Amino acid sequence: MKNPSTIASVVIIIIGFSNVAIAQAPQNEEQKIRQVIDRATHAFGQGDFEEWSSHWMHTDGVLFTYAGSEEFNHFKGWEELGKTMQETMSSLAETRKTDPMVERNNFHYEITNEMAWVYFNQHDNLGETTLDKFETRVLKKVDGTWKIMHVSVIEVSPY
């Protein structure tokens, strides 16, 4: 007969490892989501429309909203957003920085099996000036890969 304390030790070890795996799963998803956001932003900063586009859902349901002190833009559906962003990236070619600065902090994630919502503060010089922004992303998991569905950007520097 097996020693009850040995069995109890094995059960505790198994429970311990399963708790570690469960605890790491959300962080792993957060890292994957953060990678998508970082790669899309980097591609935008470099003017690489194809790379930027690869991180987005290409559906009528996508939405991009930008609110600043001097402008407000709202694009619905991939057809409108894709066309606008391709034109925007081309027009920024003359003022594009070779190494744009992007700093993010205060991340908050809400993640389910298929959807994720994240918001954060961003400080960047992707445009003509350096700005502080509050940003939100909604992502959908498609075939195991996170894709952006919604972006909301609010300039907070001028306020």
N, C-alpha and C. Protein backbone atom coordinates (compact mmCIF):
# COMPACT_ATOMS: atom_id res chain seq x y z
N MET A 1 0.84 -1.17 0.00
CA MET A 1 0.00 0.00 0.00
C MET A 1 0.88 1.23 0.00
N LYS A 2 0.48 2.24 -0.79
CA LYS A 2 1.28 3.45 -0.90
C LYS A 2 1.09 4.31 0.33
N ASN A 3 2.13 5.02 0.65
CA ASN A 3 2.13 5.91 1.79
C ASN A 3 1.20 7.09 1.51
N PRO A 4 0.21 7.36 2.39
CA PRO A 4 -0.73 8.47 2.18
C PRO A 4 -0.03 9.82 2.09
N SER A 5 1.08 10.01 2.80
CA SER A 5 1.77 11.31 2.73
C SER A 5 2.44 11.49 1.37
N THR A 6 2.89 10.38 0.74
CA THR A 6 3.49 10.47 -0.60
C THR A 6 2.41 10.85 -1.62
N ILE A 7 1.26 10.22 -1.51
CA ILE A 7 0.15 10.53 -2.42
C ILE A 7 -0.27 12.00 -2.23
N ALA A 8 -0.38 12.43 -1.01
CA ALA A 8 -0.76 13.82 -0.73
C ALA A 8 0.27 14.78 -1.31
N SER A 9 1.56 14.44 -1.20
CA SER A 9 2.61 15.30 -1.76
C SER A 9 2.50 15.41 -3.27
N VAL A 10 2.24 14.28 -3.93
CA VAL A 10 2.08 14.27 -5.39
C VAL A 10 0.88 15.12 -5.79
N VAL A 11 -0.23 14.97 -5.07
CA VAL A 11 -1.43 15.76 -5.37
C VAL A 11 -1.15 17.24 -5.19
N ILE A 12 -0.45 17.62 -4.13
CA ILE A 12 -0.11 19.03 -3.89
C ILE A 12 0.78 19.56 -5.01
N ILE A 13 1.74 18.77 -5.44
CA ILE A 13 2.64 19.20 -6.53
C ILE A 13 1.84 19.40 -7.81
N ILE A 14 0.95 18.44 -8.14
CA ILE A 14 0.13 18.56 -9.35
C ILE A 14 -0.76 19.79 -9.27
N ILE A 15 -1.39 20.01 -8.14
CA ILE A 15 -2.24 21.20 -7.97
C ILE A 15 -1.40 22.46 -8.10
N GLY A 16 -0.23 22.44 -7.52
CA GLY A 16 0.67 23.60 -7.61
C GLY A 16 1.03 23.92 -9.05
N PHE A 17 1.41 22.91 -9.83
CA PHE A 17 1.76 23.13 -11.23
C PHE A 17 0.55 23.59 -12.04
N SER A 18 -0.62 23.03 -11.77
CA SER A 18 -1.80 23.45 -12.53
C SER A 18 -2.16 24.89 -12.19
N ASN A 19 -1.98 25.31 -10.95
CA ASN A 19 -2.25 26.71 -10.59
C ASN A 19 -1.28 27.65 -11.28
N VAL A 20 -0.02 27.25 -11.40
CA VAL A 20 0.96 28.07 -12.11
C VAL A 20 0.55 28.21 -13.56
N ALA A 21 0.14 27.12 -14.19
CA ALA A 21 -0.27 27.16 -15.59
C ALA A 21 -1.50 28.05 -15.77
N ILE A 22 -2.45 27.95 -14.85
CA ILE A 22 -3.64 28.79 -14.93
C ILE A 22 -3.27 30.24 -14.72
N ALA A 23 -2.41 30.52 -13.77
CA ALA A 23 -2.02 31.90 -13.50
C ALA A 23 -1.26 32.51 -14.67
N GLN A 24 -0.50 31.71 -15.42
CA GLN A 24 0.29 32.24 -16.51
C GLN A 24 -0.52 32.41 -17.79
N ALA A 25 -1.63 31.72 -17.92
CA ALA A 25 -2.40 31.80 -19.16
C ALA A 25 -2.85 33.23 -19.47
N PRO A 26 -3.47 33.97 -18.53
CA PRO A 26 -3.87 35.33 -18.86
C PRO A 26 -2.68 36.22 -19.22
N GLN A 27 -1.57 36.07 -18.51
CA GLN A 27 -0.40 36.88 -18.82
C GLN A 27 0.09 36.56 -20.23
N ASN A 28 0.06 35.29 -20.60
CA ASN A 28 0.47 34.89 -21.94
C ASN A 28 -0.43 35.55 -22.99
N GLU A 29 -1.73 35.58 -22.76
CA GLU A 29 -2.66 36.23 -23.69
C GLU A 29 -2.40 37.74 -23.71
N GLU A 30 -2.13 38.33 -22.56
CA GLU A 30 -1.81 39.75 -22.51
C GLU A 30 -0.57 40.05 -23.35
N GLN A 31 0.43 39.18 -23.25
CA GLN A 31 1.65 39.37 -24.04
C GLN A 31 1.36 39.28 -25.54
N LYS A 32 0.52 38.33 -25.93
CA LYS A 32 0.16 38.17 -27.34
C LYS A 32 -0.59 39.41 -27.85
N ILE A 33 -1.50 39.90 -27.04
CA ILE A 33 -2.27 41.09 -27.41
C ILE A 33 -1.35 42.30 -27.50
N ARG A 34 -0.49 42.43 -26.53
CA ARG A 34 0.46 43.55 -26.52
C ARG A 34 1.36 43.51 -27.77
N GLN A 35 1.77 42.32 -28.17
CA GLN A 35 2.58 42.16 -29.38
C GLN A 35 1.84 42.66 -30.62
N VAL A 36 0.58 42.33 -30.73
CA VAL A 36 -0.22 42.79 -31.87
C VAL A 36 -0.28 44.32 -31.88
N ILE A 37 -0.57 44.90 -30.73
CA ILE A 37 -0.64 46.36 -30.62
C ILE A 37 0.70 46.99 -30.97
N ASP A 38 1.77 46.45 -30.41
CA ASP A 38 3.12 46.99 -30.68
C ASP A 38 3.49 46.87 -32.15
N ARG A 39 3.22 45.73 -32.74
CA ARG A 39 3.58 45.52 -34.15
C ARG A 39 2.77 46.41 -35.08
N ALA A 40 1.49 46.57 -34.80
CA ALA A 40 0.65 47.44 -35.63
C ALA A 40 1.12 48.89 -35.51
N THR A 41 1.43 49.32 -34.30
CA THR A 41 1.91 50.69 -34.10
C THR A 41 3.25 50.91 -34.78
N HIS A 42 4.14 49.95 -34.65
CA HIS A 42 5.45 50.05 -35.31
C HIS A 42 5.28 50.14 -36.83
N ALA A 43 4.41 49.30 -37.37
CA ALA A 43 4.17 49.31 -38.82
C ALA A 43 3.61 50.66 -39.25
N PHE A 44 2.69 51.23 -38.46
CA PHE A 44 2.16 52.55 -38.78
C PHE A 44 3.29 53.58 -38.78
N GLY A 45 4.13 53.54 -37.74
CA GLY A 45 5.25 54.48 -37.63
C GLY A 45 6.23 54.36 -38.79
N GLN A 46 6.36 53.17 -39.34
CA GLN A 46 7.27 52.95 -40.47
C GLN A 46 6.58 53.15 -41.81
N GLY A 47 5.28 53.36 -41.79
CA GLY A 47 4.54 53.53 -43.04
C GLY A 47 4.34 52.24 -43.79
N ASP A 48 4.38 51.12 -43.08
CA ASP A 48 4.23 49.80 -43.70
C ASP A 48 2.76 49.38 -43.64
N PHE A 49 2.00 49.79 -44.63
CA PHE A 49 0.57 49.51 -44.64
C PHE A 49 0.26 48.02 -44.62
N GLU A 50 0.99 47.23 -45.39
CA GLU A 50 0.73 45.79 -45.47
C GLU A 50 0.89 45.13 -44.10
N GLU A 51 1.96 45.47 -43.40
CA GLU A 51 2.18 44.90 -42.06
C GLU A 51 1.10 45.40 -41.10
N TRP A 52 0.83 46.69 -41.13
CA TRP A 52 -0.21 47.26 -40.25
C TRP A 52 -1.55 46.56 -40.50
N SER A 53 -1.88 46.40 -41.77
CA SER A 53 -3.14 45.78 -42.18
C SER A 53 -3.25 44.33 -41.71
N SER A 54 -2.13 43.65 -41.62
CA SER A 54 -2.16 42.23 -41.24
C SER A 54 -2.61 42.01 -39.80
N HIS A 55 -2.64 43.05 -39.00
CA HIS A 55 -3.04 42.94 -37.59
C HIS A 55 -4.51 43.31 -37.37
N TRP A 56 -5.22 43.58 -38.46
CA TRP A 56 -6.61 44.01 -38.38
C TRP A 56 -7.55 42.97 -38.95
N MET A 57 -8.78 42.95 -38.43
CA MET A 57 -9.88 42.22 -39.06
C MET A 57 -10.22 43.00 -40.32
N HIS A 58 -10.56 42.32 -41.38
CA HIS A 58 -10.96 43.00 -42.61
C HIS A 58 -12.45 42.79 -42.83
N THR A 59 -13.25 43.42 -41.94
CA THR A 59 -14.70 43.24 -41.97
C THR A 59 -15.39 44.61 -41.89
N ASP A 60 -16.68 44.59 -42.11
CA ASP A 60 -17.48 45.81 -41.98
C ASP A 60 -17.60 46.26 -40.53
N GLY A 61 -17.25 45.38 -39.60
CA GLY A 61 -17.41 45.68 -38.18
C GLY A 61 -16.27 46.46 -37.55
N VAL A 62 -15.17 46.70 -38.27
CA VAL A 62 -14.05 47.42 -37.65
C VAL A 62 -14.40 48.89 -37.49
N LEU A 63 -13.75 49.50 -36.50
CA LEU A 63 -14.04 50.89 -36.16
C LEU A 63 -12.76 51.55 -35.66
N PHE A 64 -12.51 52.76 -36.13
CA PHE A 64 -11.34 53.53 -35.70
C PHE A 64 -11.83 54.95 -35.41
N THR A 65 -11.59 55.42 -34.19
CA THR A 65 -11.99 56.75 -33.78
C THR A 65 -10.79 57.49 -33.21
N TYR A 66 -10.58 58.72 -33.68
CA TYR A 66 -9.49 59.57 -33.18
C TYR A 66 -10.08 60.91 -32.81
N ALA A 67 -9.90 61.32 -31.56
CA ALA A 67 -10.39 62.62 -31.10
C ALA A 67 -9.23 63.43 -30.54
N GLY A 68 -9.00 64.57 -31.16
CA GLY A 68 -7.95 65.48 -30.71
C GLY A 68 -8.50 66.87 -30.53
N SER A 69 -7.66 67.79 -30.12
CA SER A 69 -8.11 69.16 -29.89
C SER A 69 -8.46 69.87 -31.19
N GLU A 70 -7.88 69.41 -32.30
CA GLU A 70 -8.12 70.07 -33.58
C GLU A 70 -8.77 69.17 -34.63
N GLU A 71 -9.03 67.92 -34.29
CA GLU A 71 -9.63 67.04 -35.28
C GLU A 71 -10.39 65.90 -34.61
N PHE A 72 -11.34 65.38 -35.37
CA PHE A 72 -12.07 64.19 -34.97
C PHE A 72 -12.26 63.34 -36.22
N ASN A 73 -11.84 62.09 -36.15
CA ASN A 73 -11.99 61.17 -37.28
C ASN A 73 -12.67 59.90 -36.79
N HIS A 74 -13.54 59.38 -37.65
CA HIS A 74 -14.30 58.19 -37.30
C HIS A 74 -14.46 57.36 -38.57
N PHE A 75 -13.87 56.18 -38.61
CA PHE A 75 -13.91 55.34 -39.80
C PHE A 75 -14.57 54.01 -39.47
N LYS A 76 -15.59 53.64 -40.24
CA LYS A 76 -16.32 52.40 -40.02
C LYS A 76 -16.11 51.46 -41.19
N GLY A 77 -15.80 50.22 -40.88
CA GLY A 77 -15.62 49.20 -41.90
C GLY A 77 -14.21 49.19 -42.47
N TRP A 78 -13.75 47.99 -42.85
CA TRP A 78 -12.39 47.85 -43.34
C TRP A 78 -12.16 48.63 -44.63
N GLU A 79 -13.13 48.64 -45.52
CA GLU A 79 -12.94 49.32 -46.80
C GLU A 79 -12.58 50.80 -46.59
N GLU A 80 -13.34 51.47 -45.75
CA GLU A 80 -13.09 52.89 -45.47
C GLU A 80 -11.79 53.08 -44.68
N LEU A 81 -11.62 52.28 -43.64
CA LEU A 81 -10.43 52.42 -42.80
C LEU A 81 -9.16 52.09 -43.57
N GLY A 82 -9.15 50.98 -44.29
CA GLY A 82 -7.96 50.58 -45.03
C GLY A 82 -7.53 51.64 -46.03
N LYS A 83 -8.49 52.15 -46.80
CA LYS A 83 -8.19 53.17 -47.80
C LYS A 83 -7.64 54.44 -47.13
N THR A 84 -8.29 54.87 -46.06
CA THR A 84 -7.87 56.09 -45.36
C THR A 84 -6.48 55.94 -44.76
N MET A 85 -6.23 54.80 -44.12
CA MET A 85 -4.93 54.61 -43.47
C MET A 85 -3.82 54.47 -44.50
N GLN A 86 -4.09 53.84 -45.63
CA GLN A 86 -3.07 53.74 -46.67
C GLN A 86 -2.70 55.14 -47.17
N GLU A 87 -3.70 55.99 -47.37
CA GLU A 87 -3.45 57.37 -47.79
C GLU A 87 -2.72 58.15 -46.70
N THR A 88 -3.12 57.94 -45.45
CA THR A 88 -2.48 58.64 -44.32
C THR A 88 -1.02 58.25 -44.20
N MET A 89 -0.73 56.97 -44.29
CA MET A 89 0.66 56.52 -44.18
C MET A 89 1.51 57.07 -45.32
N SER A 90 0.95 57.14 -46.50
CA SER A 90 1.68 57.70 -47.65
C SER A 90 1.94 59.19 -47.44
N SER A 91 0.94 59.92 -46.93
CA SER A 91 1.09 61.36 -46.75
C SER A 91 2.07 61.71 -45.63
N LEU A 92 2.25 60.81 -44.68
CA LEU A 92 3.18 61.06 -43.58
C LEU A 92 4.63 60.72 -43.94
N ALA A 93 4.84 60.21 -45.15
CA ALA A 93 6.18 59.78 -45.56
C ALA A 93 7.21 60.89 -45.43
N GLU A 94 6.82 62.12 -45.74
CA GLU A 94 7.76 63.24 -45.70
C GLU A 94 8.15 63.63 -44.28
N THR A 95 7.25 63.45 -43.33
CA THR A 95 7.53 63.85 -41.95
C THR A 95 7.85 62.68 -41.03
N ARG A 96 7.87 61.47 -41.58
CA ARG A 96 8.08 60.26 -40.78
C ARG A 96 9.44 60.30 -40.09
N LYS A 97 9.44 59.92 -38.87
CA LYS A 97 10.68 59.83 -38.10
C LYS A 97 11.32 58.47 -38.35
N THR A 98 12.65 58.43 -38.38
CA THR A 98 13.32 57.16 -38.63
C THR A 98 13.18 56.21 -37.45
N ASP A 99 13.05 56.75 -36.27
CA ASP A 99 12.91 55.92 -35.07
C ASP A 99 11.86 56.54 -34.15
N PRO A 100 10.57 56.38 -34.48
CA PRO A 100 9.55 57.03 -33.66
C PRO A 100 9.55 56.50 -32.23
N MET A 101 9.22 57.41 -31.31
CA MET A 101 9.16 57.07 -29.89
C MET A 101 7.71 56.75 -29.51
N VAL A 102 7.51 55.61 -28.87
CA VAL A 102 6.19 55.23 -28.35
C VAL A 102 6.40 54.63 -26.97
N GLU A 103 5.75 55.24 -25.99
CA GLU A 103 5.82 54.72 -24.61
C GLU A 103 4.39 54.49 -24.14
N ARG A 104 4.17 53.33 -23.51
CA ARG A 104 2.84 52.99 -23.00
C ARG A 104 2.93 52.58 -21.54
N ASN A 105 1.85 52.88 -20.80
CA ASN A 105 1.77 52.43 -19.41
C ASN A 105 0.31 52.35 -18.98
N ASN A 106 0.11 51.91 -17.75
CA ASN A 106 -1.23 51.78 -17.15
C ASN A 106 -2.16 50.90 -17.98
N PHE A 107 -1.67 49.74 -18.38
CA PHE A 107 -2.48 48.79 -19.15
C PHE A 107 -3.56 48.17 -18.27
N HIS A 108 -4.72 47.97 -18.85
CA HIS A 108 -5.79 47.21 -18.21
C HIS A 108 -6.38 46.27 -19.27
N TYR A 109 -6.48 45.00 -18.94
CA TYR A 109 -6.96 43.98 -19.88
C TYR A 109 -8.23 43.32 -19.36
N GLU A 110 -9.16 43.07 -20.25
CA GLU A 110 -10.31 42.20 -20.02
C GLU A 110 -10.29 41.21 -21.17
N ILE A 111 -10.13 39.91 -20.86
CA ILE A 111 -9.92 38.91 -21.90
C ILE A 111 -10.87 37.74 -21.71
N THR A 112 -11.54 37.35 -22.81
CA THR A 112 -12.31 36.12 -22.82
C THR A 112 -11.63 35.20 -23.85
N ASN A 113 -12.25 34.06 -24.14
CA ASN A 113 -11.64 33.13 -25.09
C ASN A 113 -11.50 33.72 -26.48
N GLU A 114 -12.45 34.57 -26.90
CA GLU A 114 -12.46 35.07 -28.27
C GLU A 114 -12.32 36.58 -28.41
N MET A 115 -12.49 37.32 -27.32
CA MET A 115 -12.45 38.78 -27.39
C MET A 115 -11.55 39.34 -26.29
N ALA A 116 -10.98 40.50 -26.58
CA ALA A 116 -10.17 41.19 -25.58
C ALA A 116 -10.39 42.68 -25.70
N TRP A 117 -10.37 43.33 -24.56
CA TRP A 117 -10.50 44.77 -24.48
C TRP A 117 -9.34 45.25 -23.64
N VAL A 118 -8.60 46.22 -24.15
CA VAL A 118 -7.45 46.73 -23.41
C VAL A 118 -7.42 48.25 -23.55
N TYR A 119 -7.07 48.92 -22.45
CA TYR A 119 -6.85 50.36 -22.55
C TYR A 119 -5.54 50.70 -21.86
N PHE A 120 -4.97 51.84 -22.25
CA PHE A 120 -3.65 52.23 -21.76
C PHE A 120 -3.40 53.70 -22.08
N ASN A 121 -2.37 54.25 -21.47
CA ASN A 121 -1.89 55.59 -21.80
C ASN A 121 -0.74 55.45 -22.78
N GLN A 122 -0.66 56.38 -23.72
CA GLN A 122 0.42 56.34 -24.70
C GLN A 122 1.01 57.73 -24.85
N HIS A 123 2.32 57.80 -24.93
CA HIS A 123 3.08 59.01 -25.18
C HIS A 123 3.90 58.73 -26.43
N ASP A 124 3.68 59.51 -27.52
CA ASP A 124 4.38 59.20 -28.77
C ASP A 124 4.64 60.44 -29.60
N ASN A 125 5.49 60.25 -30.60
CA ASN A 125 5.76 61.30 -31.59
C ASN A 125 5.47 60.77 -33.00
N LEU A 126 4.42 59.98 -33.12
CA LEU A 126 4.08 59.38 -34.42
C LEU A 126 3.60 60.41 -35.44
N GLY A 127 3.05 61.49 -34.98
CA GLY A 127 2.60 62.55 -35.88
C GLY A 127 3.63 63.66 -35.94
N GLU A 128 3.14 64.87 -36.14
CA GLU A 128 4.04 66.02 -36.26
C GLU A 128 4.53 66.51 -34.91
N THR A 129 3.81 66.18 -33.83
CA THR A 129 4.20 66.61 -32.48
C THR A 129 4.18 65.42 -31.53
N THR A 130 4.72 65.63 -30.35
CA THR A 130 4.69 64.61 -29.31
C THR A 130 3.41 64.80 -28.50
N LEU A 131 2.67 63.71 -28.33
CA LEU A 131 1.36 63.79 -27.67
C LEU A 131 1.20 62.73 -26.60
N ASP A 132 0.37 63.05 -25.61
CA ASP A 132 -0.11 62.07 -24.65
C ASP A 132 -1.51 61.69 -25.06
N LYS A 133 -1.81 60.38 -25.02
CA LYS A 133 -3.09 59.88 -25.49
C LYS A 133 -3.62 58.82 -24.53
N PHE A 134 -4.93 58.65 -24.55
CA PHE A 134 -5.58 57.53 -23.89
C PHE A 134 -6.14 56.67 -25.02
N GLU A 135 -5.77 55.39 -25.04
CA GLU A 135 -6.15 54.54 -26.16
C GLU A 135 -6.85 53.27 -25.68
N THR A 136 -7.74 52.80 -26.53
CA THR A 136 -8.49 51.57 -26.28
C THR A 136 -8.40 50.69 -27.51
N ARG A 137 -8.27 49.39 -27.30
CA ARG A 137 -8.30 48.42 -28.40
C ARG A 137 -9.29 47.31 -28.04
N VAL A 138 -10.03 46.87 -29.03
CA VAL A 138 -10.83 45.66 -28.92
C VAL A 138 -10.29 44.70 -29.97
N LEU A 139 -9.98 43.49 -29.55
CA LEU A 139 -9.41 42.49 -30.45
C LEU A 139 -10.27 41.23 -30.43
N LYS A 140 -10.25 40.52 -31.55
CA LYS A 140 -10.96 39.26 -31.66
C LYS A 140 -9.95 38.18 -32.04
N LYS A 141 -10.10 37.02 -31.42
CA LYS A 141 -9.20 35.91 -31.73
C LYS A 141 -9.77 35.12 -32.90
N VAL A 142 -8.99 35.04 -33.98
CA VAL A 142 -9.39 34.33 -35.18
C VAL A 142 -8.34 33.26 -35.47
N ASP A 143 -8.75 32.00 -35.44
CA ASP A 143 -7.82 30.88 -35.68
C ASP A 143 -6.58 30.98 -34.79
N GLY A 144 -6.78 31.38 -33.54
CA GLY A 144 -5.69 31.44 -32.57
C GLY A 144 -4.86 32.71 -32.61
N THR A 145 -5.21 33.66 -33.50
CA THR A 145 -4.43 34.89 -33.63
C THR A 145 -5.32 36.09 -33.30
N TRP A 146 -4.80 37.00 -32.46
CA TRP A 146 -5.53 38.21 -32.11
C TRP A 146 -5.48 39.20 -33.26
N LYS A 147 -6.65 39.76 -33.60
CA LYS A 147 -6.79 40.77 -34.66
C LYS A 147 -7.53 41.98 -34.08
N ILE A 148 -7.11 43.15 -34.48
CA ILE A 148 -7.73 44.39 -34.00
C ILE A 148 -9.06 44.60 -34.71
N MET A 149 -10.08 44.96 -33.92
CA MET A 149 -11.40 45.28 -34.46
C MET A 149 -11.76 46.74 -34.22
N HIS A 150 -11.25 47.30 -33.15
CA HIS A 150 -11.65 48.65 -32.77
C HIS A 150 -10.47 49.37 -32.12
N VAL A 151 -10.27 50.62 -32.53
CA VAL A 151 -9.28 51.49 -31.90
C VAL A 151 -9.95 52.80 -31.57
N SER A 152 -9.71 53.28 -30.38
CA SER A 152 -10.17 54.60 -29.97
C SER A 152 -8.96 55.33 -29.40
N VAL A 153 -8.69 56.52 -29.94
CA VAL A 153 -7.56 57.32 -29.50
C VAL A 153 -8.07 58.69 -29.11
N ILE A 154 -7.75 59.11 -27.89
CA ILE A 154 -8.14 60.43 -27.41
C ILE A 154 -6.86 61.16 -26.99
N GLU A 155 -6.61 62.29 -27.63
CA GLU A 155 -5.47 63.11 -27.22
C GLU A 155 -5.79 63.70 -25.85
N VAL A 156 -4.88 63.57 -24.91
CA VAL A 156 -5.09 64.16 -23.60
C VAL A 156 -4.11 65.30 -23.32
N SER A 157 -3.10 65.44 -24.17
CA SER A 157 -2.10 66.51 -23.99
C SER A 157 -2.73 67.89 -23.90
N PRO A 158 -3.64 68.22 -24.81
CA PRO A 158 -4.15 69.60 -24.80
C PRO A 158 -5.14 69.90 -23.68
N TYR A 159 -5.59 68.89 -22.94
CA TYR A 159 -6.63 69.12 -21.94
C TYR A 159 -6.07 69.24 -20.55
